[in-house]
Amino acid sequence: MNKISLFLISALFSQSLLASPIVDAFLADPVTVLDDQGRSQREVARNGLPKTLPVLQYNKELDLVQVELAGQKVWLDTMDVRVSPPLNVVKLPCQKLSSSQADDHQNNSTIGFGSGCSK
C-alpha cells in the first residue's frame, strides 16, 4: 500500500512540474543576459549554460523570461531561447486558416502555424 501511495504522490508532483514552463534550448551563441528593462548586461557562452532552466517569470510586454543563472536572477530574450510549453499561444482558429495551395508542390515549401497555435 505504501508503494502505491508513494507512486501516486510522486506522479502528482511530476505532473505539476511538467506544467511549469522551462527553457529547454538556447538558440543564440553567445546568449545575451539582460536586466529587467531589456538592456544588455553581458553575454554567456551557450556551452557554459545548463541544459534546462525553469522560467521564474515572464514579461509579456518586453517578451523576456526570468531565469536563475549561478544563483542570480537574470532576464533572457525569448528570441534567444526555446521555452516549453510555449508562452505565447496564438488565439486563432488554426484549423480554419488557409493552408498550402495546390501549386506549393512545385517549390517544396509548406505553411505551418507553429507549436504556439491553439488547436
Protein backbone atom coordinates (compact mmCIF):
# COMPACT_ATOMS: atom_id res chain seq x y z
CA MET A 1 0.00 0.00 0.00
CA ASN A 2 2.81 2.42 0.83
CA LYS A 3 4.49 1.88 -2.54
CA ILE A 4 1.27 2.64 -4.40
CA SER A 5 0.56 5.83 -2.44
CA LEU A 6 4.19 6.94 -2.83
CA PHE A 7 3.93 6.37 -6.58
CA LEU A 8 0.68 8.33 -6.82
CA ILE A 9 2.10 11.26 -4.84
CA SER A 10 5.24 11.36 -6.98
CA ALA A 11 3.11 11.23 -10.15
CA LEU A 12 1.01 14.13 -8.87
CA PHE A 13 4.08 16.27 -8.20
CA SER A 14 5.71 15.35 -11.50
CA GLN A 15 2.58 16.49 -13.36
CA SER A 16 2.69 19.87 -11.60
CA LEU A 17 6.36 20.25 -12.53
CA LEU A 18 5.62 19.48 -16.15
CA ALA A 19 3.04 22.26 -16.30
CA SER A 20 5.55 25.00 -15.45
CA PRO A 21 7.48 26.43 -18.41
CA ILE A 22 11.17 25.68 -18.80
CA VAL A 23 13.92 26.92 -21.07
CA ASP A 24 14.91 23.73 -22.85
CA ALA A 25 17.24 25.11 -25.53
CA PHE A 26 19.42 28.11 -26.20
CA LEU A 27 19.17 29.29 -29.80
CA ALA A 28 21.83 32.00 -29.73
CA ASP A 29 25.54 31.66 -29.05
CA PRO A 30 26.50 33.61 -27.03
CA VAL A 31 23.29 34.22 -25.08
CA THR A 32 22.73 37.84 -24.04
CA VAL A 33 21.85 38.34 -20.38
CA LEU A 34 19.51 41.30 -19.86
CA ASP A 35 18.26 43.41 -16.98
CA ASP A 36 14.56 43.83 -16.18
CA GLN A 37 14.29 46.68 -18.72
CA GLY A 38 15.75 44.60 -21.56
CA ARG A 39 19.17 46.28 -21.57
CA SER A 40 22.17 44.07 -22.28
CA GLN A 41 24.29 43.26 -19.22
CA ARG A 42 26.70 40.61 -20.50
CA GLU A 43 26.98 37.61 -22.78
CA VAL A 44 27.32 33.99 -21.74
CA ALA A 45 28.60 31.17 -23.95
CA ARG A 46 25.92 28.59 -24.70
CA ASN A 47 28.14 25.68 -23.64
CA GLY A 48 28.50 27.27 -20.18
CA LEU A 49 24.75 27.14 -19.55
CA PRO A 50 22.71 24.26 -18.11
CA LYS A 51 20.62 22.18 -20.49
CA THR A 52 17.32 23.29 -18.92
CA LEU A 53 16.26 26.16 -16.68
CA PRO A 54 12.91 26.78 -15.01
CA VAL A 55 11.20 30.02 -16.03
CA LEU A 56 10.63 32.13 -12.93
CA GLN A 57 8.71 35.00 -14.55
CA TYR A 58 7.56 36.11 -17.97
CA ASN A 59 7.46 39.79 -19.01
CA LYS A 60 4.88 39.82 -21.80
CA GLU A 61 5.43 43.49 -22.69
CA LEU A 62 9.17 43.08 -23.32
CA ASP A 63 8.92 39.37 -24.26
CA LEU A 64 11.57 38.36 -21.70
CA VAL A 65 11.85 35.37 -19.38
CA GLN A 66 13.48 35.43 -15.98
CA VAL A 67 15.72 32.52 -15.03
CA GLU A 68 18.33 31.87 -12.37
CA LEU A 69 21.96 31.64 -13.53
CA ALA A 70 24.69 30.99 -10.96
CA GLY A 71 22.38 31.99 -8.11
CA GLN A 72 21.44 35.27 -9.77
CA LYS A 73 18.04 36.10 -11.28
CA VAL A 74 18.51 37.40 -14.82
CA TRP A 75 16.35 38.01 -17.90
CA LEU A 76 16.72 36.42 -21.33
CA ASP A 77 15.15 37.38 -24.65
CA THR A 78 12.65 34.78 -25.85
CA MET A 79 14.23 35.01 -29.31
CA ASP A 80 17.41 33.50 -27.82
CA VAL A 81 15.74 30.57 -26.07
CA ARG A 82 13.12 27.89 -26.66
CA VAL A 83 10.52 27.63 -23.90
CA SER A 84 8.33 24.57 -23.40
CA PRO A 85 5.38 24.73 -23.25
CA PRO A 86 5.22 27.87 -25.43
CA LEU A 87 4.48 31.10 -23.58
CA ASN A 88 2.54 32.75 -26.40
CA VAL A 89 -0.37 30.78 -27.77
CA VAL A 90 -1.95 32.33 -30.84
CA LYS A 91 -5.68 32.87 -30.36
CA LEU A 92 -6.53 31.92 -33.93
CA PRO A 93 -8.72 29.07 -35.12
CA CYS A 94 -5.75 27.41 -36.85
CA GLN A 95 -7.80 24.65 -38.40
CA LYS A 96 -9.89 27.28 -40.26
CA LEU A 97 -6.91 29.25 -41.64
CA SER A 98 -5.84 28.65 -45.20
CA SER A 99 -3.13 26.06 -45.65
CA SER A 100 -0.83 25.24 -48.54
CA GLN A 101 -2.14 25.77 -52.04
CA ALA A 102 -2.08 23.08 -54.71
CA ASP A 103 0.88 24.65 -56.56
CA ASP A 104 3.12 24.54 -53.47
CA HIS A 105 4.34 21.14 -54.58
CA GLN A 106 6.45 22.89 -57.21
CA ASN A 107 8.59 24.87 -54.75
CA ASN A 108 8.68 22.25 -51.97
CA SER A 109 7.53 24.69 -49.27
CA THR A 110 4.93 24.28 -46.61
CA ILE A 111 2.89 26.63 -44.50
CA GLY A 112 2.54 26.00 -40.79
CA PHE A 113 1.25 27.85 -37.81
CA GLY A 114 3.84 26.58 -35.30
CA SER A 115 3.69 24.92 -31.91
CA GLY A 116 2.15 28.04 -30.32
CA CYS A 117 -1.04 27.79 -32.36
CA SER A 118 -4.06 26.79 -30.27
CA LYS A 119 -5.97 23.90 -31.77
